[in-house]
């Protein structure tokens, strides 16, 4: 089955400490809550490669598995870009302007 590319949106996410583990969560200031979990490649939450708090730009879609808790899904084959603080701020500013 082909992947529906129109369901995916650019989302800024960051690594954060939650429930005793490193998790990936959306950066505050977007349409998605910071409490929403992101299912993505494990390498993004590896603190040996990326320090805690690293921000990424990913292509994600909102989904749930058989009516379960909603989460953001990042396809494992898509590229992941590390965002600098300035790039993240610029991305969030464009996002906010786009919603108005």
Protein backbone atom coordinates (compact mmCIF):
# COMPACT_ATOMS: atom_id res chain seq x y z
CA UNK A 1 0.00 0.00 0.00
CA UNK A 2 1.34 3.44 -0.92
CA UNK A 3 1.99 6.07 1.71
CA UNK A 4 -0.39 9.07 1.69
CA UNK A 5 2.11 11.93 1.44
CA UNK A 6 -0.65 14.50 1.95
CA UNK A 7 -1.25 13.30 5.52
CA UNK A 8 2.29 14.28 6.54
CA UNK A 9 3.23 17.77 7.79
CA UNK A 10 6.51 19.37 8.81
CA UNK A 11 6.78 19.35 12.59
CA UNK A 12 9.55 20.58 14.89
CA UNK A 13 10.23 18.02 17.61
CA UNK A 14 12.74 17.81 20.45
CA UNK A 15 14.22 15.20 22.73
CA UNK A 16 13.01 15.53 26.31
CA UNK A 17 13.14 13.56 29.56
CA UNK A 18 9.81 11.94 30.39
CA UNK A 19 8.88 8.97 32.58
CA UNK A 20 12.54 8.18 33.22
CA UNK A 21 13.41 7.91 29.52
CA UNK A 22 14.41 10.12 26.63
CA UNK A 23 11.33 10.68 24.46
CA UNK A 24 10.68 12.77 21.35
CA UNK A 25 7.92 15.40 21.70
CA UNK A 26 6.62 18.30 19.57
CA UNK A 27 8.15 21.69 20.29
CA UNK A 28 5.59 23.97 22.02
CA UNK A 29 3.99 26.63 19.82
CA UNK A 30 2.60 24.34 17.12
CA UNK A 31 -0.73 22.66 16.53
CA UNK A 32 0.37 19.61 18.54
CA UNK A 33 0.62 19.42 22.32
CA UNK A 34 4.05 18.96 23.92
CA UNK A 35 2.60 15.95 25.77
CA UNK A 36 1.94 14.10 22.49
CA UNK A 37 4.49 11.34 21.85
CA UNK A 38 6.32 10.90 18.55
CA UNK A 39 7.09 7.45 17.14
CA UNK A 40 10.31 7.78 15.15
CA UNK A 41 13.76 6.30 14.66
CA UNK A 42 15.48 5.35 17.93
CA UNK A 43 18.63 7.15 16.85
CA UNK A 44 16.87 10.47 17.49
CA UNK A 45 16.60 9.69 21.20
CA UNK A 46 20.19 8.41 21.52
CA UNK A 47 21.94 10.91 23.82
CA UNK A 48 25.37 9.70 22.67
CA UNK A 49 24.58 11.04 19.19
CA UNK A 50 22.19 13.92 19.97
CA UNK A 51 22.26 15.69 23.36
CA UNK A 52 19.05 16.02 25.35
CA UNK A 53 17.02 18.97 24.05
CA UNK A 54 18.14 18.60 20.42
CA UNK A 55 15.46 19.84 18.03
CA UNK A 56 14.65 18.17 14.72
CA UNK A 57 12.50 18.99 11.70
CA UNK A 58 10.56 15.91 10.64
CA UNK A 59 7.65 15.02 8.39
CA UNK A 60 4.97 13.47 10.62
CA UNK A 61 1.31 12.55 10.63
CA UNK A 62 -1.17 12.32 13.48
CA UNK A 63 -2.47 8.79 13.92
CA UNK A 64 -3.61 6.21 16.45
CA UNK A 65 -3.30 2.48 16.44
CA UNK A 66 -6.72 0.80 16.39
CA UNK A 67 -8.40 3.58 18.34
CA UNK A 68 -5.66 3.92 20.95
CA UNK A 69 -3.87 7.01 22.20
CA UNK A 70 -3.04 9.46 19.38
CA UNK A 71 0.62 10.00 18.49
CA UNK A 72 2.74 11.53 15.75
CA UNK A 73 4.29 9.01 13.37
CA UNK A 74 7.51 9.71 11.48
CA UNK A 75 8.27 7.31 8.61
CA UNK A 76 11.64 5.67 9.30
CA UNK A 77 12.94 6.28 5.76
CA UNK A 78 12.35 10.05 5.73
CA UNK A 79 15.26 12.42 6.28
CA UNK A 80 15.60 14.12 9.66
CA UNK A 81 17.16 17.58 9.94
CA UNK A 82 18.70 18.91 13.16
CA UNK A 83 17.48 22.45 13.86
CA UNK A 84 19.61 25.14 15.45
CA UNK A 85 17.81 27.40 17.95
CA UNK A 86 17.63 30.15 15.30
CA UNK A 87 16.24 27.78 12.64
CA UNK A 88 13.65 26.46 15.09
CA UNK A 89 12.54 29.97 16.02
CA UNK A 90 12.22 30.88 12.31
CA UNK A 91 10.22 27.70 11.60
CA UNK A 92 7.83 28.36 14.49
CA UNK A 93 7.38 32.00 13.40
CA UNK A 94 6.43 30.88 9.87
CA UNK A 95 4.03 28.34 11.34
CA UNK A 96 2.30 30.93 13.52
CA UNK A 97 1.96 33.37 10.62
CA UNK A 98 0.52 30.57 8.46
CA UNK A 99 -2.27 29.82 10.96
CA UNK A 100 -3.63 33.38 11.10
